[in-house]
Protein backbone atom coordinates (compact mmCIF):
# COMPACT_ATOMS: atom_id res chain seq x y z
CA MET A 1 0.00 0.00 0.00
CA THR A 2 1.34 3.43 -0.95
CA GLU A 3 1.66 6.02 1.78
CA TYR A 4 1.03 9.69 1.01
CA THR A 5 2.04 13.05 2.40
CA THR A 6 0.50 16.48 1.99
CA VAL A 7 2.01 19.32 -0.02
CA SER A 8 0.58 22.80 0.39
CA ILE A 9 0.19 25.28 -2.43
CA PRO A 10 -1.51 28.69 -2.40
CA LYS A 11 -5.25 28.57 -3.06
CA ASP A 12 -4.99 30.91 -6.04
CA LEU A 13 -2.49 28.52 -7.63
CA ALA A 14 -4.74 25.54 -6.90
CA GLU A 15 -7.61 27.37 -8.61
CA ARG A 16 -5.44 28.08 -11.66
CA VAL A 17 -4.40 24.43 -11.77
CA ASP A 18 -8.05 23.36 -11.58
CA ASP A 19 -8.84 25.63 -14.53
CA THR A 20 -5.82 24.35 -16.44
CA ILE A 21 -6.56 20.65 -16.00
CA GLU A 22 -10.20 20.97 -16.99
CA GLY A 23 -10.74 18.80 -20.04
CA THR A 24 -7.44 16.93 -19.61
CA SER A 25 -6.68 13.44 -18.35
CA PHE A 26 -5.70 14.88 -14.95
CA SER A 27 -8.55 14.42 -12.51
CA SER A 28 -7.11 16.59 -9.74
CA THR A 29 -4.36 18.98 -8.75
CA SER A 30 -2.69 16.06 -6.97
CA ASP A 31 -2.63 14.05 -10.21
CA LEU A 32 -0.89 16.87 -12.03
CA VAL A 33 1.62 17.53 -9.24
CA ARG A 34 2.49 13.82 -9.05
CA PHE A 35 2.99 13.76 -12.82
CA LEU A 36 5.22 16.84 -12.81
CA LEU A 37 7.34 15.70 -9.87
CA ARG A 38 7.66 12.19 -11.27
CA SER A 39 8.79 13.66 -14.60
CA ILE A 40 11.45 15.79 -12.91
CA VAL A 41 12.69 12.89 -10.77
CA ILE A 42 12.86 10.55 -13.78
CA GLN A 43 14.87 13.12 -15.73
CA TYR A 44 17.21 13.56 -12.76
CA GLN A 45 17.70 9.81 -12.40
CA ARG A 46 18.44 9.37 -16.11
CA GLU A 47 21.01 12.13 -16.24
CA GLY A 48 22.51 11.67 -12.79
CA GLU A 49 21.76 15.24 -11.79
CA LEU A 50 19.99 18.32 -13.02
CA THR A 51 22.22 21.19 -14.02
CA GLU A 52 21.27 24.67 -12.89
CA ALA A 53 20.29 25.48 -16.48
CA GLU A 54 18.02 22.42 -16.68
CA PHE A 55 16.41 23.31 -13.36
CA GLU A 56 15.85 26.88 -14.54
CA ASP A 57 14.35 25.59 -17.79
CA ILE A 58 11.91 23.37 -15.89
CA ALA A 59 11.03 26.23 -13.54
CA ALA A 60 10.45 28.56 -16.51
CA GLN A 61 8.19 26.00 -18.18
CA LEU A 62 6.17 25.55 -14.97
CA ALA A 63 5.94 29.33 -14.56
CA ASP A 64 4.75 29.71 -18.16
CA LEU A 65 2.05 27.13 -17.43
CA GLY A 66 1.03 29.11 -14.34
CA TYR A 67 2.21 26.56 -11.77
CA LEU A 68 5.01 28.71 -10.36
CA ASP A 69 5.16 32.42 -9.59
CA ARG A 70 8.29 34.17 -10.77
């Protein structure tokens, strides 16, 4: 059985995520966050580590999608 923990995000961000995932295969904010984190971790594991440039690129992409404030 998988154990879970809670991650807090601002309510305005959660509302933007809800609007963004409407009509997608993501059924909740949690689904999207799990997908994004899993994608980042998989990339890290494949490459051994994320460079600062790669991290900044990921952060910029998430900010452009409205998931991070810059």
